[in-house]
Amino acid sequence: MYLVIASAVALSAGAALAQTEQIAAESDVVVLTSGQRLTAPIIKETAQAIWLDLGPTVVEVPRADIAEIVRRGTNENAEVAADEKDLFR
């Protein structure tokens, strides 16, 4: 019984780790002027700001606070022009 439970826990942990690594590989990295880094998919982008999907919340980051954007993975959202009035693409 212990072996079955231990195996199930190990498989669950492995699946969660693989999913986390996949999300990180597909996420963009936004480096702020303060030096902090935000790793999340960009869901909207305008000349004034970008919006990041941080899971249960969406964060708006003004372009003036961004030092660099490193685009990763297959996230084509950042390449799509967004209307200023849209919250999401």
PDB file of N, CA and C in Angstrom:
ATOM      1  N   MET A   1       0.831  -1.192   0.000  1.00  0.00           N
ATOM      2  CA  MET A   1       0.000   0.000   0.000  1.00  0.00           C
ATOM      3  C   MET A   1       0.872   1.250   0.000  1.00  0.00           C
ATOM      4  N   TYR A   2       1.915   1.259   0.854  1.00  0.00           N
ATOM      5  CA  TYR A   2       2.807   2.416   0.933  1.00  0.00           C
ATOM      6  C   TYR A   2       3.472   2.669  -0.418  1.00  0.00           C
ATOM      7  N   LEU A   3       3.886   1.592  -1.101  1.00  0.00           N
ATOM      8  CA  LEU A   3       4.543   1.721  -2.398  1.00  0.00           C
ATOM      9  C   LEU A   3       3.604   2.341  -3.426  1.00  0.00           C
ATOM     10  N   VAL A   4       2.342   1.962  -3.410  1.00  0.00           N
ATOM     11  CA  VAL A   4       1.358   2.515  -4.345  1.00  0.00           C
ATOM     12  C   VAL A   4       1.162   4.007  -4.096  1.00  0.00           C
ATOM     13  N   ILE A   5       1.036   4.393  -2.834  1.00  0.00           N
ATOM     14  CA  ILE A   5       0.848   5.809  -2.491  1.00  0.00           C
ATOM     15  C   ILE A   5       2.091   6.608  -2.862  1.00  0.00           C
ATOM     16  N   ALA A   6       3.264   6.079  -2.550  1.00  0.00           N
ATOM     17  CA  ALA A   6       4.516   6.774  -2.875  1.00  0.00           C
ATOM     18  C   ALA A   6       4.664   6.937  -4.381  1.00  0.00           C
ATOM     19  N   SER A   7       4.291   5.910  -5.140  1.00  0.00           N
ATOM     20  CA  SER A   7       4.367   5.995  -6.597  1.00  0.00           C
ATOM     21  C   SER A   7       3.405   7.038  -7.141  1.00  0.00           C
ATOM     22  N   ALA A   8       2.203   7.085  -6.596  1.00  0.00           N
ATOM     23  CA  ALA A   8       1.212   8.068  -7.044  1.00  0.00           C
ATOM     24  C   ALA A   8       1.674   9.489  -6.741  1.00  0.00           C
ATOM     25  N   VAL A   9       2.250   9.695  -5.569  1.00  0.00           N
ATOM     26  CA  VAL A   9       2.762  11.020  -5.200  1.00  0.00           C
ATOM     27  C   VAL A   9       3.908  11.413  -6.124  1.00  0.00           C
ATOM     28  N   ALA A  10       4.800  10.482  -6.404  1.00  0.00           N
ATOM     29  CA  ALA A  10       5.935  10.768  -7.283  1.00  0.00           C
ATOM     30  C   ALA A  10       5.463  11.107  -8.693  1.00  0.00           C
ATOM     31  N   LEU A  11       4.485  10.372  -9.200  1.00  0.00           N
ATOM     32  CA  LEU A  11       3.948  10.661 -10.534  1.00  0.00           C
ATOM     33  C   LEU A  11       3.262  12.020 -10.570  1.00  0.00           C
ATOM     34  N   SER A  12       2.497  12.338  -9.536  1.00  0.00           N
ATOM     35  CA  SER A  12       1.818  13.633  -9.472  1.00  0.00           C
ATOM     36  C   SER A  12       2.823  14.773  -9.417  1.00  0.00           C
ATOM     37  N   ALA A  13       3.857  14.611  -8.615  1.00  0.00           N
ATOM     38  CA  ALA A  13       4.889  15.646  -8.505  1.00  0.00           C
ATOM     39  C   ALA A  13       5.623  15.809  -9.828  1.00  0.00           C
ATOM     40  N   GLY A  14       5.902  14.709 -10.488  1.00  0.00           N
ATOM     41  CA  GLY A  14       6.576  14.767 -11.788  1.00  0.00           C
ATOM     42  C   GLY A  14       5.726  15.458 -12.833  1.00  0.00           C
ATOM     43  N   ALA A  15       4.432  15.175 -12.851  1.00  0.00           N
ATOM     44  CA  ALA A  15       3.528  15.816 -13.806  1.00  0.00           C
ATOM     45  C   ALA A  15       3.416  17.310 -13.533  1.00  0.00           C
ATOM     46  N   ALA A  16       3.340  17.684 -12.269  1.00  0.00           N
ATOM     47  CA  ALA A  16       3.255  19.107 -11.911  1.00  0.00           C
ATOM     48  C   ALA A  16       4.530  19.834 -12.303  1.00  0.00           C
ATOM     49  N   LEU A  17       5.680  19.208 -12.089  1.00  0.00           N
ATOM     50  CA  LEU A  17       6.950  19.821 -12.458  1.00  0.00           C
ATOM     51  C   LEU A  17       7.053  19.987 -13.970  1.00  0.00           C
ATOM     52  N   ALA A  18       6.645  18.981 -14.718  1.00  0.00           N
ATOM     53  CA  ALA A  18       6.685  19.071 -16.175  1.00  0.00           C
ATOM     54  C   ALA A  18       5.774  20.181 -16.680  1.00  0.00           C
ATOM     55  N   GLN A  19       4.590  20.311 -16.083  1.00  0.00           N
ATOM     56  CA  GLN A  19       3.664  21.365 -16.486  1.00  0.00           C
ATOM     57  C   GLN A  19       4.239  22.739 -16.155  1.00  0.00           C
ATOM     58  N   THR A  20       4.852  22.885 -14.994  1.00  0.00           N
ATOM     59  CA  THR A  20       5.466  24.153 -14.600  1.00  0.00           C
ATOM     60  C   THR A  20       6.596  24.523 -15.545  1.00  0.00           C
ATOM     61  N   GLU A  21       7.416  23.551 -15.919  1.00  0.00           N
ATOM     62  CA  GLU A  21       8.518  23.811 -16.845  1.00  0.00           C
ATOM     63  C   GLU A  21       7.992  24.210 -18.214  1.00  0.00           C
ATOM     64  N   GLN A  22       6.897  23.584 -18.671  1.00  0.00           N
ATOM     65  CA  GLN A  22       6.320  23.924 -19.967  1.00  0.00           C
ATOM     66  C   GLN A  22       5.767  25.342 -19.944  1.00  0.00           C
ATOM     67  N   ILE A  23       5.072  25.718 -18.877  1.00  0.00           N
ATOM     68  CA  ILE A  23       4.526  27.072 -18.764  1.00  0.00           C
ATOM     69  C   ILE A  23       5.658  28.086 -18.761  1.00  0.00           C
ATOM     70  N   ALA A  24       6.720  27.813 -18.011  1.00  0.00           N
ATOM     71  CA  ALA A  24       7.860  28.739 -17.957  1.00  0.00           C
ATOM     72  C   ALA A  24       8.529  28.857 -19.317  1.00  0.00           C
ATOM     73  N   ALA A  25       8.627  27.760 -20.057  1.00  0.00           N
ATOM     74  CA  ALA A  25       9.258  27.792 -21.373  1.00  0.00           C
ATOM     75  C   ALA A  25       8.434  28.593 -22.368  1.00  0.00           C
ATOM     76  N   GLU A  26       7.119  28.630 -22.198  1.00  0.00           N
ATOM     77  CA  GLU A  26       6.249  29.350 -23.118  1.00  0.00           C
ATOM     78  C   GLU A  26       5.977  30.776 -22.659  1.00  0.00           C
ATOM     79  N   SER A  27       6.457  31.158 -21.496  1.00  0.00           N
ATOM     80  CA  SER A  27       6.186  32.477 -20.940  1.00  0.00           C
ATOM     81  C   SER A  27       7.234  33.484 -21.387  1.00  0.00           C
ATOM     82  N   ASP A  28       6.822  34.737 -21.393  1.00  0.00           N
ATOM     83  CA  ASP A  28       7.732  35.826 -21.686  1.00  0.00           C
ATOM     84  C   ASP A  28       8.337  36.309 -20.374  1.00  0.00           C
ATOM     85  N   VAL A  29       9.491  36.933 -20.455  1.00  0.00           N
ATOM     86  CA  VAL A  29      10.137  37.498 -19.272  1.00  0.00           C
ATOM     87  C   VAL A  29      10.188  39.007 -19.458  1.00  0.00           C
ATOM     88  N   VAL A  30       9.593  39.723 -18.515  1.00  0.00           N
ATOM     89  CA  VAL A  30       9.590  41.181 -18.542  1.00  0.00           C
ATOM     90  C   VAL A  30      10.519  41.652 -17.431  1.00  0.00           C
ATOM     91  N   VAL A  31      11.567  42.369 -17.827  1.00  0.00           N
ATOM     92  CA  VAL A  31      12.519  42.913 -16.861  1.00  0.00           C
ATOM     93  C   VAL A  31      12.127  44.365 -16.617  1.00  0.00           C
ATOM     94  N   LEU A  32      11.859  44.680 -15.361  1.00  0.00           N
ATOM     95  CA  LEU A  32      11.447  46.034 -15.007  1.00  0.00           C
ATOM     96  C   LEU A  32      12.665  46.927 -14.791  1.00  0.00           C
ATOM     97  N   THR A  33      12.457  48.232 -14.840  1.00  0.00           N
ATOM     98  CA  THR A  33      13.550  49.178 -14.612  1.00  0.00           C
ATOM     99  C   THR A  33      14.110  49.050 -13.200  1.00  0.00           C
ATOM    100  N   SER A  34      13.330  48.500 -12.282  1.00  0.00           N
ATOM    101  CA  SER A  34      13.788  48.271 -10.902  1.00  0.00           C
ATOM    102  C   SER A  34      14.687  47.042 -10.789  1.00  0.00           C
ATOM    103  N   GLY A  35      14.767  46.247 -11.874  1.00  0.00           N
ATOM    104  CA  GLY A  35      15.558  45.023 -11.861  1.00  0.00           C
ATOM    105  C   GLY A  35      14.738  43.772 -11.616  1.00  0.00           C
ATOM    106  N   GLN A  36      13.496  43.916 -11.173  1.00  0.00           N
ATOM    107  CA  GLN A  36      12.627  42.755 -10.944  1.00  0.00           C
ATOM    108  C   GLN A  36      12.246  42.129 -12.276  1.00  0.00           C
ATOM    109  N   ARG A  37      11.946  40.826 -12.232  1.00  0.00           N
ATOM    110  CA  ARG A  37      11.542  40.085 -13.430  1.00  0.00           C
ATOM    111  C   ARG A  37      10.153  39.510 -13.216  1.00  0.00           C
ATOM    112  N   LEU A  38       9.332  39.601 -14.246  1.00  0.00           N
ATOM    113  CA  LEU A  38       8.010  38.977 -14.253  1.00  0.00           C
ATOM    114  C   LEU A  38       8.013  37.945 -15.371  1.00  0.00           C
ATOM    115  N   THR A  39       7.682  36.699 -15.051  1.00  0.00           N
ATOM    116  CA  THR A  39       7.651  35.628 -16.042  1.00  0.00           C
ATOM    117  C   THR A  39       6.215  35.178 -16.217  1.00  0.00           C
ATOM    118  N   ALA A  40       5.639  35.514 -17.367  1.00  0.00           N
ATOM    119  CA  ALA A  40       4.241  35.187 -17.650  1.00  0.00           C
ATOM    120  C   ALA A  40       3.974  35.461 -19.124  1.00  0.00           C
ATOM    121  N   PRO A  41       2.943  34.831 -19.686  1.00  0.00           N
ATOM    122  CA  PRO A  41       2.574  35.133 -21.066  1.00  0.00           C
ATOM    123  C   PRO A  41       2.027  36.556 -21.189  1.00  0.00           C
ATOM    124  N   ILE A  42       2.425  37.243 -22.246  1.00  0.00           N
ATOM    125  CA  ILE A  42       1.855  38.557 -22.548  1.00  0.00           C
ATOM    126  C   ILE A  42       0.540  38.303 -23.273  1.00  0.00           C
ATOM    127  N   ILE A  43      -0.567  38.845 -22.745  1.00  0.00           N
ATOM    128  CA  ILE A  43      -1.869  38.615 -23.374  1.00  0.00           C
ATOM    129  C   ILE A  43      -2.364  39.821 -24.153  1.00  0.00           C
ATOM    130  N   LYS A  44      -1.790  40.991 -23.888  1.00  0.00           N
ATOM    131  CA  LYS A  44      -2.143  42.190 -24.646  1.00  0.00           C
ATOM    132  C   LYS A  44      -0.959  43.128 -24.599  1.00  0.00           C
ATOM    133  N   GLU A  45      -0.803  43.878 -25.686  1.00  0.00           N
ATOM    134  CA  GLU A  45       0.321  44.784 -25.779  1.00  0.00           C
ATOM    135  C   GLU A  45      -0.099  46.023 -26.554  1.00  0.00           C
ATOM    136  N   THR A  46       0.143  47.206 -25.983  1.00  0.00           N
ATOM    137  CA  THR A  46      -0.104  48.469 -26.677  1.00  0.00           C
ATOM    138  C   THR A  46       1.167  49.313 -26.581  1.00  0.00           C
ATOM    139  N   ALA A  47       1.128  50.493 -27.153  1.00  0.00           N
ATOM    140  CA  ALA A  47       2.279  51.391 -27.083  1.00  0.00           C
ATOM    141  C   ALA A  47       2.508  51.900 -25.661  1.00  0.00           C
ATOM    142  N   GLN A  48       1.462  51.905 -24.840  1.00  0.00           N
ATOM    143  CA  GLN A  48       1.569  52.444 -23.483  1.00  0.00           C
ATOM    144  C   GLN A  48       1.831  51.388 -22.411  1.00  0.00           C
ATOM    145  N   ALA A  49       1.384  50.148 -22.630  1.00  0.00           N
ATOM    146  CA  ALA A  49       1.470  49.130 -21.576  1.00  0.00           C
ATOM    147  C   ALA A  49       1.404  47.730 -22.168  1.00  0.00           C
ATOM    148  N   ILE A  50       1.741  46.743 -21.318  1.00  0.00           N
ATOM    149  CA  ILE A  50       1.509  45.336 -21.641  1.00  0.00           C
ATOM    150  C   ILE A  50       0.708  44.732 -20.498  1.00  0.00           C
ATOM    151  N   TRP A  51       0.013  43.644 -20.783  1.00  0.00           N
ATOM    152  CA  TRP A  51      -0.770  42.932 -19.777  1.00  0.00           C
ATOM    153  C   TRP A  51      -0.232  41.511 -19.702  1.00  0.00           C
ATOM    154  N   LEU A  52       0.049  41.054 -18.486  1.00  0.00           N
ATOM    155  CA  LEU A  52       0.594  39.724 -18.251  1.00  0.00           C
ATOM    156  C   LEU A  52      -0.430  38.847 -17.552  1.00  0.00           C
ATOM    157  N   ASP A  53      -0.523  37.592 -17.992  1.00  0.00           N
ATOM    158  CA  ASP A  53      -1.418  36.611 -17.382  1.00  0.00           C
ATOM    159  C   ASP A  53      -0.658  35.885 -16.276  1.00  0.00           C
ATOM    160  N   LEU A  54      -0.943  36.253 -15.030  1.00  0.00           N
ATOM    161  CA  LEU A  54      -0.270  35.644 -13.887  1.00  0.00           C
ATOM    162  C   LEU A  54      -1.124  34.575 -13.223  1.00  0.00           C
ATOM    163  N   GLY A  55      -1.927  33.876 -14.005  1.00  0.00           N
ATOM    164  CA  GLY A  55      -2.786  32.830 -13.452  1.00  0.00           C
ATOM    165  C   GLY A  55      -4.125  33.390 -13.061  1.00  0.00           C
ATOM    166  N   PRO A  56      -4.375  33.555 -11.765  1.00  0.00           N
ATOM    167  CA  PRO A  56      -5.689  34.043 -11.340  1.00  0.00           C
ATOM    168  C   PRO A  56      -5.881  35.545 -11.538  1.00  0.00           C
ATOM    169  N   THR A  57      -4.846  36.247 -11.959  1.00  0.00           N
ATOM    170  CA  THR A  57      -4.973  37.690 -12.140  1.00  0.00           C
ATOM    171  C   THR A  57      -4.219  38.149 -13.383  1.00  0.00           C
ATOM    172  N   VAL A  58      -4.610  39.293 -13.898  1.00  0.00           N
ATOM    173  CA  VAL A  58      -3.942  39.929 -15.029  1.00  0.00           C
ATOM    174  C   VAL A  58      -3.322  41.220 -14.512  1.00  0.00           C
ATOM    175  N   VAL A  59      -2.060  41.448 -14.864  1.00  0.00           N
ATOM    176  CA  VAL A  59      -1.340  42.625 -14.385  1.00  0.00           C
ATOM    177  C   VAL A  59      -1.000  43.527 -15.562  1.00  0.00           C
ATOM    178  N   GLU A  60      -1.313  44.812 -15.425  1.00  0.00           N
ATOM    179  CA  GLU A  60      -0.942  45.814 -16.424  1.00  0.00           C
ATOM    180  C   GLU A  60       0.393  46.426 -16.009  1.00  0.00           C
ATOM    181  N   VAL A  61       1.339  46.463 -16.939  1.00  0.00           N
ATOM    182  CA  VAL A  61       2.652  47.039 -16.661  1.00  0.00           C
ATOM    183  C   VAL A  61       2.890  48.178 -17.650  1.00  0.00           C
ATOM    184  N   PRO A  62       3.040  49.402 -17.170  1.00  0.00           N
ATOM    185  CA  PRO A  62       3.320  50.524 -18.072  1.00  0.00           C
ATOM    186  C   PRO A  62       4.670  50.341 -18.768  1.00  0.00           C
ATOM    187  N   ARG A  63       4.741  50.714 -20.031  1.00  0.00           N
ATOM    188  CA  ARG A  63       5.991  50.588 -20.785  1.00  0.00           C
ATOM    189  C   ARG A  63       7.128  51.385 -20.146  1.00  0.00           C
ATOM    190  N   ALA A  64       6.809  52.485 -19.483  1.00  0.00           N
ATOM    191  CA  ALA A  64       7.841  53.299 -18.830  1.00  0.00           C
ATOM    192  C   ALA A  64       8.567  52.519 -17.735  1.00  0.00           C
ATOM    193  N   ASP A  65       7.932  51.476 -17.190  1.00  0.00           N
ATOM    194  CA  ASP A  65       8.529  50.661 -16.129  1.00  0.00           C
ATOM    195  C   ASP A  65       9.275  49.443 -16.662  1.00  0.00           C
ATOM    196  N   ILE A  66       9.302  49.258 -17.982  1.00  0.00           N
ATOM    197  CA  ILE A  66       9.896  48.065 -18.587  1.00  0.00           C
ATOM    198  C   ILE A  66      11.266  48.397 -19.168  1.00  0.00           C
ATOM    199  N   ALA A  67      12.277  47.647 -18.736  1.00  0.00           N
ATOM    200  CA  ALA A  67      13.628  47.806 -19.276  1.00  0.00           C
ATOM    201  C   ALA A  67      13.838  46.896 -20.485  1.00  0.00           C
ATOM    202  N   GLU A  68      13.238  45.686 -20.439  1.00  0.00           N
ATOM    203  CA  GLU A  68      13.469  44.701 -21.495  1.00  0.00           C
ATOM    204  C   GLU A  68      12.354  43.668 -21.493  1.00  0.00           C
ATOM    205  N   ILE A  69      12.035  43.144 -22.687  1.00  0.00           N
ATOM    206  CA  ILE A  69      11.092  42.033 -22.820  1.00  0.00           C
ATOM    207  C   ILE A  69      11.808  40.915 -23.563  1.00  0.00           C
ATOM    208  N   VAL A  70      11.857  39.734 -22.953  1.00  0.00           N
ATOM    209  CA  VAL A  70      12.433  38.553 -23.589  1.00  0.00           C
ATOM    210  C   VAL A  70      11.270  37.650 -23.967  1.00  0.00           C
ATOM    211  N   ARG A  71      11.046  37.497 -25.256  1.00  0.00           N
ATOM    212  CA  ARG A  71       9.923  36.686 -25.737  1.00  0.00           C
ATOM    213  C   ARG A  71      10.379  35.239 -25.891  1.00  0.00           C
ATOM    214  N   ARG A  72       9.545  34.317 -25.390  1.00  0.00           N
ATOM    215  CA  ARG A  72       9.883  32.895 -25.414  1.00  0.00           C
ATOM    216  C   ARG A  72       8.705  32.073 -25.893  1.00  0.00           C
ATOM    217  N   GLY A  73       9.002  30.821 -26.201  1.00  0.00           N
ATOM    218  CA  GLY A  73       7.954  29.848 -26.500  1.00  0.00           C
ATOM    219  C   GLY A  73       7.169  30.160 -27.755  1.00  0.00           C
ATOM    220  N   THR A  74       5.944  29.663 -27.768  1.00  0.00           N
ATOM    221  CA  THR A  74       5.080  29.789 -28.938  1.00  0.00           C
ATOM    222  C   THR A  74       4.018  30.842 -28.733  1.00  0.00           C
ATOM    223  N   ASN A  75       4.281  31.822 -27.898  1.00  0.00           N
ATOM    224  CA  ASN A  75       3.296  32.849 -27.581  1.00  0.00           C
ATOM    225  C   ASN A  75       3.188  33.839 -28.728  1.00  0.00           C
ATOM    226  N   GLU A  76       2.168  33.665 -29.571  1.00  0.00           N
ATOM    227  CA  GLU A  76       1.991  34.599 -30.670  1.00  0.00           C
ATOM    228  C   GLU A  76       1.123  35.785 -30.279  1.00  0.00           C
ATOM    229  N   ASN A  77       0.627  35.833 -29.050  1.00  0.00           N
ATOM    230  CA  ASN A  77      -0.211  36.945 -28.600  1.00  0.00           C
ATOM    231  C   ASN A  77       0.503  38.281 -28.705  1.00  0.00           C
ATOM    232  N   ALA A  78       1.782  38.315 -28.414  1.00  0.00           N
ATOM    233  CA  ALA A  78       2.525  39.572 -28.408  1.00  0.00           C
ATOM    234  C   ALA A  78       2.691  40.126 -29.814  1.00  0.00           C
ATOM    235  N   GLU A  79       2.550  39.273 -30.824  1.00  0.00           N
ATOM    236  CA  GLU A  79       2.729  39.716 -32.196  1.00  0.00           C
ATOM    237  C   GLU A  79       1.447  40.295 -32.789  1.00  0.00           C
ATOM    238  N   VAL A  80       0.344  40.154 -32.105  1.00  0.00           N
ATOM    239  CA  VAL A  80      -0.941  40.611 -32.617  1.00  0.00           C
ATOM    240  C   VAL A  80      -1.209  42.018 -32.114  1.00  0.00           C
ATOM    241  N   ALA A  81      -1.517  42.911 -33.029  1.00  0.00           N
ATOM    242  CA  ALA A  81      -1.838  44.281 -32.626  1.00  0.00           C
ATOM    243  C   ALA A  81      -3.170  44.279 -31.886  1.00  0.00           C
ATOM    244  N   ALA A  82      -3.218  44.958 -30.766  1.00  0.00           N
ATOM    245  CA  ALA A  82      -4.429  45.008 -29.951  1.00  0.00           C
ATOM    246  C   ALA A  82      -5.051  46.384 -30.036  1.00  0.00           C
ATOM    247  N   ASP A  83      -6.365  46.416 -30.022  1.00  0.00           N
ATOM    248  CA  ASP A  83      -7.095  47.673 -29.975  1.00  0.00           C
ATOM    249  C   ASP A  83      -6.989  48.225 -28.562  1.00  0.00           C
ATOM    250  N   GLU A  84      -6.827  49.530 -28.439  1.00  0.00           N
ATOM    251  CA  GLU A  84      -6.690  50.172 -27.129  1.00  0.00           C
ATOM    252  C   GLU A  84      -7.866  49.862 -26.204  1.00  0.00           C
ATOM    253  N   LYS A  85      -9.056  49.637 -26.756  1.00  0.00           N
ATOM    254  CA  LYS A  85     -10.257  49.437 -25.946  1.00  0.00           C
ATOM    255  C   LYS A  85     -10.430  47.996 -25.489  1.00  0.00           C
ATOM    256  N   ASP A  86      -9.708  47.066 -26.077  1.00  0.00           N
ATOM    257  CA  ASP A  86      -9.825  45.656 -25.723  1.00  0.00           C
ATOM    258  C   ASP A  86      -9.023  45.348 -24.469  1.00  0.00           C
ATOM    259  N   LEU A  87      -9.601  44.539 -23.591  1.00  0.00           N
ATOM    260  CA  LEU A  87      -8.828  44.059 -22.453  1.00  0.00           C
ATOM    261  C   LEU A  87      -7.993  42.864 -22.879  1.00  0.00           C
ATOM    262  N   PHE A  88      -8.604  41.966 -23.658  1.00  0.00           N
ATOM    263  CA  PHE A  88      -7.905  40.794 -24.151  1.00  0.00           C
ATOM    264  C   PHE A  88      -7.944  40.797 -25.662  1.00  0.00           C
ATOM    265  N   ARG A  89      -7.005  40.076 -26.246  1.00  0.00           N
ATOM    266  CA  ARG A  89      -6.939  39.948 -27.694  1.00  0.00           C
ATOM    267  C   ARG A  89      -8.091  39.108 -28.146  1.00  0.00           C
TER     268      ARG A  89
END
